[in-house]
Each structure stands twice: as C-alpha cells, then as structure tokens.
PDB file of N, CA and C in Angstrom:
ATOM      1  N   UNK A   1     -12.861  -4.973 -50.496  1.00  0.00           N
ATOM      2  CA  UNK A   1     -11.796  -5.668 -49.833  1.00  0.00           C
ATOM      3  C   UNK A   1     -12.334  -6.583 -48.734  1.00  0.00           C
ATOM      4  N   UNK A   2     -13.407  -6.204 -48.069  1.00  0.00           N
ATOM      5  CA  UNK A   2     -13.923  -7.024 -46.966  1.00  0.00           C
ATOM      6  C   UNK A   2     -14.813  -8.165 -47.443  1.00  0.00           C
ATOM      7  N   UNK A   3     -15.169  -8.205 -48.705  1.00  0.00           N
ATOM      8  CA  UNK A   3     -16.132  -9.164 -49.211  1.00  0.00           C
ATOM      9  C   UNK A   3     -15.672 -10.613 -49.222  1.00  0.00           C
ATOM     10  N   UNK A   4     -14.377 -10.843 -49.322  1.00  0.00           N
ATOM     11  CA  UNK A   4     -13.860 -12.203 -49.403  1.00  0.00           C
ATOM     12  C   UNK A   4     -12.764 -12.414 -48.356  1.00  0.00           C
ATOM     13  N   UNK A   5     -12.715 -13.599 -47.751  1.00  0.00           N
ATOM     14  CA  UNK A   5     -11.660 -13.880 -46.773  1.00  0.00           C
ATOM     15  C   UNK A   5     -10.257 -13.673 -47.347  1.00  0.00           C
ATOM     16  N   UNK A   6     -10.065 -14.042 -48.603  1.00  0.00           N
ATOM     17  CA  UNK A   6      -8.752 -13.890 -49.231  1.00  0.00           C
ATOM     18  C   UNK A   6      -8.350 -12.419 -49.340  1.00  0.00           C
ATOM     19  N   UNK A   7      -9.316 -11.569 -49.654  1.00  0.00           N
ATOM     20  CA  UNK A   7      -9.041 -10.128 -49.772  1.00  0.00           C
ATOM     21  C   UNK A   7      -8.696  -9.522 -48.418  1.00  0.00           C
ATOM     22  N   UNK A   8      -9.444  -9.928 -47.394  1.00  0.00           N
ATOM     23  CA  UNK A   8      -9.144  -9.421 -46.053  1.00  0.00           C
ATOM     24  C   UNK A   8      -7.752  -9.888 -45.619  1.00  0.00           C
ATOM     25  N   UNK A   9      -7.445 -11.154 -45.876  1.00  0.00           N
ATOM     26  CA  UNK A   9      -6.137 -11.689 -45.491  1.00  0.00           C
ATOM     27  C   UNK A   9      -5.008 -10.926 -46.180  1.00  0.00           C
ATOM     28  N   UNK A  10      -5.180 -10.644 -47.466  1.00  0.00           N
ATOM     29  CA  UNK A  10      -4.166  -9.876 -48.201  1.00  0.00           C
ATOM     30  C   UNK A  10      -4.011  -8.483 -47.602  1.00  0.00           C
ATOM     31  N   UNK A  11      -5.135  -7.849 -47.266  1.00  0.00           N
ATOM     32  CA  UNK A  11      -5.074  -6.521 -46.660  1.00  0.00           C
ATOM     33  C   UNK A  11      -4.356  -6.562 -45.313  1.00  0.00           C
ATOM     34  N   UNK A  12      -4.704  -7.525 -44.476  1.00  0.00           N
ATOM     35  CA  UNK A  12      -4.101  -7.635 -43.145  1.00  0.00           C
ATOM     36  C   UNK A  12      -2.593  -7.816 -43.265  1.00  0.00           C
ATOM     37  N   UNK A  13      -2.162  -8.713 -44.129  1.00  0.00           N
ATOM     38  CA  UNK A  13      -0.720  -8.955 -44.308  1.00  0.00           C
ATOM     39  C   UNK A  13      -0.010  -7.710 -44.824  1.00  0.00           C
ATOM     40  N   UNK A  14      -0.603  -7.061 -45.822  1.00  0.00           N
ATOM     41  CA  UNK A  14       0.041  -5.867 -46.378  1.00  0.00           C
ATOM     42  C   UNK A  14       0.043  -4.719 -45.372  1.00  0.00           C
ATOM     43  N   UNK A  15      -0.998  -4.623 -44.562  1.00  0.00           N
ATOM     44  CA  UNK A  15      -1.037  -3.565 -43.541  1.00  0.00           C
ATOM     45  C   UNK A  15       0.090  -3.751 -42.535  1.00  0.00           C
ATOM     46  N   UNK A  16       0.278  -4.969 -42.066  1.00  0.00           N
ATOM     47  CA  UNK A  16       1.354  -5.228 -41.089  1.00  0.00           C
ATOM     48  C   UNK A  16       2.703  -4.911 -41.711  1.00  0.00           C
ATOM     49  N   UNK A  17       2.925  -5.369 -42.926  1.00  0.00           N
ATOM     50  CA  UNK A  17       4.199  -5.088 -43.603  1.00  0.00           C
ATOM     51  C   UNK A  17       4.419  -3.585 -43.732  1.00  0.00           C
ATOM     52  N   UNK A  18       3.399  -2.871 -44.166  1.00  0.00           N
ATOM     53  CA  UNK A  18       3.508  -1.419 -44.335  1.00  0.00           C
ATOM     54  C   UNK A  18       3.787  -0.730 -43.005  1.00  0.00           C
ATOM     55  N   UNK A  19       3.022  -1.076 -41.983  1.00  0.00           N
ATOM     56  CA  UNK A  19       3.181  -0.440 -40.675  1.00  0.00           C
ATOM     57  C   UNK A  19       4.573  -0.682 -40.110  1.00  0.00           C
ATOM     58  N   UNK A  20       5.057  -1.907 -40.190  1.00  0.00           N
ATOM     59  CA  UNK A  20       6.390  -2.239 -39.668  1.00  0.00           C
ATOM     60  C   UNK A  20       7.493  -1.575 -40.497  1.00  0.00           C
ATOM     61  N   UNK A  21       7.351  -1.582 -41.807  1.00  0.00           N
ATOM     62  CA  UNK A  21       8.369  -0.997 -42.687  1.00  0.00           C
ATOM     63  C   UNK A  21       8.540   0.499 -42.429  1.00  0.00           C
ATOM     64  N   UNK A  22       7.433   1.175 -42.162  1.00  0.00           N
ATOM     65  CA  UNK A  22       7.471   2.630 -42.004  1.00  0.00           C
ATOM     66  C   UNK A  22       7.409   3.081 -40.546  1.00  0.00           C
ATOM     67  N   UNK A  23       7.615   2.130 -39.628  1.00  0.00           N
ATOM     68  CA  UNK A  23       7.682   2.424 -38.190  1.00  0.00           C
ATOM     69  C   UNK A  23       6.446   3.119 -37.632  1.00  0.00           C
ATOM     70  N   UNK A  24       5.274   2.723 -38.124  1.00  0.00           N
ATOM     71  CA  UNK A  24       4.030   3.195 -37.535  1.00  0.00           C
ATOM     72  C   UNK A  24       3.724   2.323 -36.322  1.00  0.00           C
ATOM     73  N   UNK A  25       2.932   2.853 -35.393  1.00  0.00           N
ATOM     74  CA  UNK A  25       2.618   2.080 -34.190  1.00  0.00           C
ATOM     75  C   UNK A  25       1.243   1.415 -34.260  1.00  0.00           C
ATOM     76  N   UNK A  26       0.521   1.613 -35.361  1.00  0.00           N
ATOM     77  CA  UNK A  26      -0.781   0.974 -35.470  1.00  0.00           C
ATOM     78  C   UNK A  26      -1.568   1.458 -36.668  1.00  0.00           C
ATOM     79  N   UNK A  27      -2.831   1.064 -36.680  1.00  0.00           N
ATOM     80  CA  UNK A  27      -3.724   1.341 -37.792  1.00  0.00           C
ATOM     81  C   UNK A  27      -5.051   1.861 -37.254  1.00  0.00           C
ATOM     82  N   UNK A  28      -5.570   2.902 -37.876  1.00  0.00           N
ATOM     83  CA  UNK A  28      -6.893   3.423 -37.537  1.00  0.00           C
ATOM     84  C   UNK A  28      -7.814   3.189 -38.726  1.00  0.00           C
ATOM     85  N   UNK A  29      -8.939   2.524 -38.481  1.00  0.00           N
ATOM     86  CA  UNK A  29      -9.944   2.299 -39.512  1.00  0.00           C
ATOM     87  C   UNK A  29     -10.979   3.420 -39.451  1.00  0.00           C
ATOM     88  N   UNK A  30     -11.212   4.054 -40.588  1.00  0.00           N
ATOM     89  CA  UNK A  30     -12.193   5.141 -40.659  1.00  0.00           C
ATOM     90  C   UNK A  30     -13.136   4.857 -41.820  1.00  0.00           C
ATOM     91  N   UNK A  31     -14.148   4.040 -41.567  1.00  0.00           N
ATOM     92  CA  UNK A  31     -15.113   3.638 -42.592  1.00  0.00           C
ATOM     93  C   UNK A  31     -16.464   4.207 -42.193  1.00  0.00           C
ATOM     94  N   UNK A  32     -16.959   5.137 -42.985  1.00  0.00           N
ATOM     95  CA  UNK A  32     -18.239   5.793 -42.697  1.00  0.00           C
ATOM     96  C   UNK A  32     -19.294   5.283 -43.666  1.00  0.00           C
ATOM     97  N   UNK A  33     -20.046   4.419 -43.326  1.00  0.00           N
ATOM     98  CA  UNK A  33     -20.168   3.506 -42.193  1.00  0.00           C
ATOM     99  C   UNK A  33     -20.534   2.157 -42.776  1.00  0.00           C
ATOM    100  N   UNK A  34     -20.039   1.050 -42.257  1.00  0.00           N
ATOM    101  CA  UNK A  34     -20.390  -0.255 -42.811  1.00  0.00           C
ATOM    102  C   UNK A  34     -21.912  -0.430 -42.884  1.00  0.00           C
ATOM    103  N   UNK A  35     -22.383  -0.846 -44.042  1.00  0.00           N
ATOM    104  CA  UNK A  35     -23.823  -1.041 -44.219  1.00  0.00           C
ATOM    105  C   UNK A  35     -24.600   0.224 -44.506  1.00  0.00           C
ATOM    106  N   UNK A  36     -23.919   1.339 -44.726  1.00  0.00           N
ATOM    107  CA  UNK A  36     -24.569   2.630 -45.005  1.00  0.00           C
ATOM    108  C   UNK A  36     -23.899   3.293 -46.214  1.00  0.00           C
ATOM    109  N   UNK A  37     -24.540   4.315 -46.721  1.00  0.00           N
ATOM    110  CA  UNK A  37     -23.969   5.149 -47.782  1.00  0.00           C
ATOM    111  C   UNK A  37     -23.526   4.338 -48.998  1.00  0.00           C
ATOM    112  N   UNK A  38     -24.343   3.379 -49.416  1.00  0.00           N
ATOM    113  CA  UNK A  38     -24.021   2.564 -50.572  1.00  0.00           C
ATOM    114  C   UNK A  38     -23.287   1.279 -50.249  1.00  0.00           C
ATOM    115  N   UNK A  39     -22.874   1.121 -49.023  1.00  0.00           N
ATOM    116  CA  UNK A  39     -22.229  -0.114 -48.571  1.00  0.00           C
ATOM    117  C   UNK A  39     -23.321  -1.147 -48.299  1.00  0.00           C
ATOM    118  N   UNK A  40     -23.179  -2.381 -48.806  1.00  0.00           N
ATOM    119  CA  UNK A  40     -24.249  -3.373 -48.592  1.00  0.00           C
ATOM    120  C   UNK A  40     -24.417  -3.736 -47.118  1.00  0.00           C
ATOM    121  N   UNK A  41     -25.620  -4.141 -46.719  1.00  0.00           N
ATOM    122  CA  UNK A  41     -25.881  -4.485 -45.318  1.00  0.00           C
ATOM    123  C   UNK A  41     -24.930  -5.542 -44.759  1.00  0.00           C
ATOM    124  N   UNK A  42     -24.448  -6.442 -45.615  1.00  0.00           N
ATOM    125  CA  UNK A  42     -23.529  -7.497 -45.174  1.00  0.00           C
ATOM    126  C   UNK A  42     -22.202  -6.935 -44.667  1.00  0.00           C
ATOM    127  N   UNK A  43     -21.892  -5.698 -45.022  1.00  0.00           N
ATOM    128  CA  UNK A  43     -20.629  -5.105 -44.584  1.00  0.00           C
ATOM    129  C   UNK A  43     -20.560  -4.913 -43.077  1.00  0.00           C
ATOM    130  N   UNK A  44     -21.709  -4.880 -42.416  1.00  0.00           N
ATOM    131  CA  UNK A  44     -21.702  -4.795 -40.949  1.00  0.00           C
ATOM    132  C   UNK A  44     -20.952  -5.999 -40.375  1.00  0.00           C
ATOM    133  N   UNK A  45     -21.297  -7.188 -40.819  1.00  0.00           N
ATOM    134  CA  UNK A  45     -20.629  -8.400 -40.347  1.00  0.00           C
ATOM    135  C   UNK A  45     -19.205  -8.497 -40.887  1.00  0.00           C
ATOM    136  N   UNK A  46     -19.002  -8.058 -42.112  1.00  0.00           N
ATOM    137  CA  UNK A  46     -17.664  -8.097 -42.720  1.00  0.00           C
ATOM    138  C   UNK A  46     -16.706  -7.168 -41.990  1.00  0.00           C
ATOM    139  N   UNK A  47     -17.213  -6.041 -41.521  1.00  0.00           N
ATOM    140  CA  UNK A  47     -16.383  -5.128 -40.732  1.00  0.00           C
ATOM    141  C   UNK A  47     -15.936  -5.807 -39.441  1.00  0.00           C
ATOM    142  N   UNK A  48     -16.853  -6.514 -38.799  1.00  0.00           N
ATOM    143  CA  UNK A  48     -16.512  -7.257 -37.584  1.00  0.00           C
ATOM    144  C   UNK A  48     -15.420  -8.277 -37.882  1.00  0.00           C
ATOM    145  N   UNK A  49     -15.549  -8.997 -38.987  1.00  0.00           N
ATOM    146  CA  UNK A  49     -14.525  -9.966 -39.373  1.00  0.00           C
ATOM    147  C   UNK A  49     -13.181  -9.283 -39.582  1.00  0.00           C
ATOM    148  N   UNK A  50     -13.181  -8.137 -40.268  1.00  0.00           N
ATOM    149  CA  UNK A  50     -11.935  -7.411 -40.510  1.00  0.00           C
ATOM    150  C   UNK A  50     -11.279  -7.001 -39.198  1.00  0.00           C
ATOM    151  N   UNK A  51     -12.053  -6.425 -38.297  1.00  0.00           N
ATOM    152  CA  UNK A  51     -11.496  -5.987 -37.009  1.00  0.00           C
ATOM    153  C   UNK A  51     -10.947  -7.180 -36.231  1.00  0.00           C
ATOM    154  N   UNK A  52     -11.696  -8.270 -36.201  1.00  0.00           N
ATOM    155  CA  UNK A  52     -11.274  -9.470 -35.476  1.00  0.00           C
ATOM    156  C   UNK A  52      -9.992 -10.048 -36.078  1.00  0.00           C
ATOM    157  N   UNK A  53      -9.939 -10.116 -37.393  1.00  0.00           N
ATOM    158  CA  UNK A  53      -8.764 -10.663 -38.075  1.00  0.00           C
ATOM    159  C   UNK A  53      -7.545  -9.768 -37.891  1.00  0.00           C
ATOM    160  N   UNK A  54      -7.729  -8.461 -37.944  1.00  0.00           N
ATOM    161  CA  UNK A  54      -6.614  -7.540 -37.701  1.00  0.00           C
ATOM    162  C   UNK A  54      -6.088  -7.676 -36.275  1.00  0.00           C
ATOM    163  N   UNK A  55      -6.992  -7.718 -35.315  1.00  0.00           N
ATOM    164  CA  UNK A  55      -6.576  -7.822 -33.911  1.00  0.00           C
ATOM    165  C   UNK A  55      -5.769  -9.102 -33.675  1.00  0.00           C
ATOM    166  N   UNK A  56      -6.232 -10.216 -34.225  1.00  0.00           N
ATOM    167  CA  UNK A  56      -5.507 -11.483 -34.065  1.00  0.00           C
ATOM    168  C   UNK A  56      -4.149 -11.425 -34.761  1.00  0.00           C
ATOM    169  N   UNK A  57      -4.124 -10.902 -35.966  1.00  0.00           N
ATOM    170  CA  UNK A  57      -2.869 -10.814 -36.715  1.00  0.00           C
ATOM    171  C   UNK A  57      -1.871  -9.890 -36.026  1.00  0.00           C
ATOM    172  N   UNK A  58      -2.349  -8.793 -35.445  1.00  0.00           N
ATOM    173  CA  UNK A  58      -1.452  -7.890 -34.717  1.00  0.00           C
ATOM    174  C   UNK A  58      -0.858  -8.600 -33.504  1.00  0.00           C
ATOM    175  N   UNK A  59      -1.672  -9.377 -32.807  1.00  0.00           N
ATOM    176  CA  UNK A  59      -1.170 -10.135 -31.653  1.00  0.00           C
ATOM    177  C   UNK A  59      -0.166 -11.195 -32.111  1.00  0.00           C
ATOM    178  N   UNK A  60      -0.504 -11.936 -33.146  1.00  0.00           N
ATOM    179  CA  UNK A  60       0.397 -12.976 -33.656  1.00  0.00           C
ATOM    180  C   UNK A  60       1.721 -12.381 -34.119  1.00  0.00           C
ATOM    181  N   UNK A  61       1.662 -11.256 -34.812  1.00  0.00           N
ATOM    182  CA  UNK A  61       2.870 -10.583 -35.293  1.00  0.00           C
ATOM    183  C   UNK A  61       3.769 -10.189 -34.123  1.00  0.00           C
ATOM    184  N   UNK A  62       3.190  -9.638 -33.092  1.00  0.00           N
ATOM    185  CA  UNK A  62       3.975  -9.217 -31.927  1.00  0.00           C
ATOM    186  C   UNK A  62       4.631 -10.413 -31.253  1.00  0.00           C
ATOM    187  N   UNK A  63       3.882 -11.490 -31.096  1.00  0.00           N
ATOM    188  CA  UNK A  63       4.400 -12.686 -30.442  1.00  0.00           C
ATOM    189  C   UNK A  63       5.507 -13.333 -31.269  1.00  0.00           C
ATOM    190  N   UNK A  64       5.250 -13.527 -32.553  1.00  0.00           N
ATOM    191  CA  UNK A  64       6.206 -14.203 -33.433  1.00  0.00           C
ATOM    192  C   UNK A  64       7.491 -13.411 -33.628  1.00  0.00           C
ATOM    193  N   UNK A  65       7.390 -12.095 -33.694  1.00  0.00           N
ATOM    194  CA  UNK A  65       8.552 -11.257 -33.994  1.00  0.00           C
ATOM    195  C   UNK A  65       9.129 -10.553 -32.778  1.00  0.00           C
ATOM    196  N   UNK A  66       8.551 -10.847 -31.603  1.00  0.00           N
ATOM    197  CA  UNK A  66       9.012 -10.246 -30.349  1.00  0.00           C
ATOM    198  C   UNK A  66       9.094  -8.718 -30.468  1.00  0.00           C
ATOM    199  N   UNK A  67       7.990  -8.155 -30.943  1.00  0.00           N
ATOM    200  CA  UNK A  67       7.881  -6.709 -31.099  1.00  0.00           C
ATOM    201  C   UNK A  67       6.668  -6.218 -30.331  1.00  0.00           C
ATOM    202  N   UNK A  68       6.609  -4.922 -30.114  1.00  0.00           N
ATOM    203  CA  UNK A  68       5.447  -4.317 -29.488  1.00  0.00           C
ATOM    204  C   UNK A  68       4.241  -4.536 -30.384  1.00  0.00           C
ATOM    205  N   UNK A  69       3.123  -4.905 -29.783  1.00  0.00           N
ATOM    206  CA  UNK A  69       1.899  -5.137 -30.551  1.00  0.00           C
ATOM    207  C   UNK A  69       1.428  -3.844 -31.194  1.00  0.00           C
ATOM    208  N   UNK A  70       1.080  -3.933 -32.468  1.00  0.00           N
ATOM    209  CA  UNK A  70       0.521  -2.787 -33.169  1.00  0.00           C
ATOM    210  C   UNK A  70      -0.841  -2.431 -32.573  1.00  0.00           C
ATOM    211  N   UNK A  71      -1.142  -1.154 -32.560  1.00  0.00           N
ATOM    212  CA  UNK A  71      -2.421  -0.669 -32.059  1.00  0.00           C
ATOM    213  C   UNK A  71      -3.475  -0.733 -33.160  1.00  0.00           C
ATOM    214  N   UNK A  72      -4.702  -0.951 -32.762  1.00  0.00           N
ATOM    215  CA  UNK A  72      -5.819  -0.937 -33.699  1.00  0.00           C
ATOM    216  C   UNK A  72      -6.899  -0.033 -33.127  1.00  0.00           C
ATOM    217  N   UNK A  73      -7.277   0.984 -33.898  1.00  0.00           N
ATOM    218  CA  UNK A  73      -8.342   1.884 -33.463  1.00  0.00           C
ATOM    219  C   UNK A  73      -9.339   2.055 -34.603  1.00  0.00           C
ATOM    220  N   UNK A  74     -10.530   2.541 -34.254  1.00  0.00           N
ATOM    221  CA  UNK A  74     -11.611   2.673 -35.225  1.00  0.00           C
ATOM    222  C   UNK A  74     -12.362   3.973 -34.970  1.00  0.00           C
ATOM    223  N   UNK A  75     -12.603   4.731 -36.016  1.00  0.00           N
ATOM    224  CA  UNK A  75     -13.521   5.863 -35.924  1.00  0.00           C
ATOM    225  C   UNK A  75     -14.924   5.301 -36.082  1.00  0.00           C
ATOM    226  N   UNK A  76     -15.808   5.664 -35.194  1.00  0.00           N
ATOM    227  CA  UNK A  76     -17.190   5.179 -35.276  1.00  0.00           C
ATOM    228  C   UNK A  76     -18.160   6.349 -35.199  1.00  0.00           C
ATOM    229  N   UNK A  77     -19.391   6.070 -35.533  1.00  0.00           N
ATOM    230  CA  UNK A  77     -20.444   7.080 -35.486  1.00  0.00           C
ATOM    231  C   UNK A  77     -20.760   7.446 -34.045  1.00  0.00           C
ATOM    232  N   UNK A  78     -21.367   8.599 -33.870  1.00  0.00           N
ATOM    233  CA  UNK A  78     -21.794   9.035 -32.556  1.00  0.00           C
ATOM    234  C   UNK A  78     -23.300   9.016 -32.370  1.00  0.00           C
ATOM    235  N   UNK A  79     -24.015   8.594 -33.388  1.00  0.00           N
ATOM    236  CA  UNK A  79     -25.473   8.551 -33.339  1.00  0.00           C
ATOM    237  C   UNK A  79     -25.896   7.104 -33.136  1.00  0.00           C
ATOM    238  N   UNK A  80     -26.698   6.861 -32.111  1.00  0.00           N
ATOM    239  CA  UNK A  80     -27.075   5.503 -31.726  1.00  0.00           C
ATOM    240  C   UNK A  80     -27.662   4.707 -32.891  1.00  0.00           C
ATOM    241  N   UNK A  81     -28.541   5.303 -33.670  1.00  0.00           N
ATOM    242  CA  UNK A  81     -29.157   4.549 -34.769  1.00  0.00           C
ATOM    243  C   UNK A  81     -28.113   4.116 -35.803  1.00  0.00           C
ATOM    244  N   UNK A  82     -27.130   4.953 -36.072  1.00  0.00           N
ATOM    245  CA  UNK A  82     -26.059   4.585 -36.997  1.00  0.00           C
ATOM    246  C   UNK A  82     -25.165   3.528 -36.377  1.00  0.00           C
ATOM    247  N   UNK A  83     -24.851   3.667 -35.108  1.00  0.00           N
ATOM    248  CA  UNK A  83     -24.036   2.668 -34.408  1.00  0.00           C
ATOM    249  C   UNK A  83     -24.717   1.306 -34.473  1.00  0.00           C
ATOM    250  N   UNK A  84     -26.002   1.268 -34.150  1.00  0.00           N
ATOM    251  CA  UNK A  84     -26.740   0.005 -34.160  1.00  0.00           C
ATOM    252  C   UNK A  84     -26.792  -0.609 -35.558  1.00  0.00           C
ATOM    253  N   UNK A  85     -26.883   0.210 -36.562  1.00  0.00           N
ATOM    254  CA  UNK A  85     -26.975  -0.290 -37.927  1.00  0.00           C
ATOM    255  C   UNK A  85     -25.643  -0.647 -38.561  1.00  0.00           C
ATOM    256  N   UNK A  86     -24.551  -0.087 -38.048  1.00  0.00           N
ATOM    257  CA  UNK A  86     -23.256  -0.251 -38.701  1.00  0.00           C
ATOM    258  C   UNK A  86     -22.288  -1.187 -37.984  1.00  0.00           C
ATOM    259  N   UNK A  87     -22.462  -1.400 -36.694  1.00  0.00           N
ATOM    260  CA  UNK A  87     -21.448  -2.129 -35.928  1.00  0.00           C
ATOM    261  C   UNK A  87     -22.051  -3.204 -35.045  1.00  0.00           C
ATOM    262  N   UNK A  88     -21.322  -4.304 -34.911  1.00  0.00           N
ATOM    263  CA  UNK A  88     -21.653  -5.335 -33.935  1.00  0.00           C
ATOM    264  C   UNK A  88     -20.781  -5.057 -32.717  1.00  0.00           C
ATOM    265  N   UNK A  89     -21.171  -4.067 -31.952  1.00  0.00           N
ATOM    266  CA  UNK A  89     -20.359  -3.539 -30.856  1.00  0.00           C
ATOM    267  C   UNK A  89     -19.924  -4.640 -29.895  1.00  0.00           C
ATOM    268  N   UNK A  90     -20.843  -5.514 -29.522  1.00  0.00           N
ATOM    269  CA  UNK A  90     -20.500  -6.556 -28.548  1.00  0.00           C
ATOM    270  C   UNK A  90     -19.434  -7.510 -29.065  1.00  0.00           C
ATOM    271  N   UNK A  91     -19.275  -7.620 -30.370  1.00  0.00           N
ATOM    272  CA  UNK A  91     -18.245  -8.486 -30.950  1.00  0.00           C
ATOM    273  C   UNK A  91     -16.931  -7.747 -31.210  1.00  0.00           C
ATOM    274  N   UNK A  92     -17.009  -6.438 -31.409  1.00  0.00           N
ATOM    275  CA  UNK A  92     -15.820  -5.651 -31.721  1.00  0.00           C
ATOM    276  C   UNK A  92     -15.072  -5.208 -30.460  1.00  0.00           C
ATOM    277  N   UNK A  93     -15.808  -4.866 -29.422  1.00  0.00           N
ATOM    278  CA  UNK A  93     -15.203  -4.280 -28.230  1.00  0.00           C
ATOM    279  C   UNK A  93     -14.069  -5.126 -27.629  1.00  0.00           C
ATOM    280  N   UNK A  94     -14.267  -6.443 -27.480  1.00  0.00           N
ATOM    281  CA  UNK A  94     -13.155  -7.217 -26.889  1.00  0.00           C
ATOM    282  C   UNK A  94     -11.875  -7.082 -27.679  1.00  0.00           C
TER     283      UNK A  94
END
C-alpha cells in the first residue's frame, strides 16, 4: 500500500471515511517494522510519506468539515538499532 502515491492516497481517504463513519477519534499505525522482516529498505521512507500524508489529510479534514482533528499515533520499536533502521524520526516527530 505504501509503494505508490496513488495507493497511499486511497488508503488515507478510506481511513478518514472509515474513522468518521464509525465515530473513531483517530488511527494507530502498528507496522513492525518498516524496512525489516521482509519489508524492503525503501519502506523506511515510504512510512515517513504515509505518516506525513495522514497528518496533513487529518488536518485538512478537520478544517474543511469543522470537526475535531483525528488523532494519529504510531507503535514504534524500543531498540535504538531498530529505530534507526526503521524510522526517519526527525521527519516524523513534527
């Protein structure tokens, strides 16, 4: 799903629709771990794109529809070597 911009866009749109339809307050991503366990190394950057695109879409949705912004959270590794290999922390944190 993260491999193509079109796939990510479809996921983001469907996630917002699903969350709003079922009155959820947000989305938690639990991917163990981008670029590991058979996931290609490029998934590290693709994960960053997904998080960035979701965050922007959640903000846009809240502004356009005058609703509370959906929350976005992520389960991440607790081991430094896995964190360094799986996440672009400086790009995701904001």
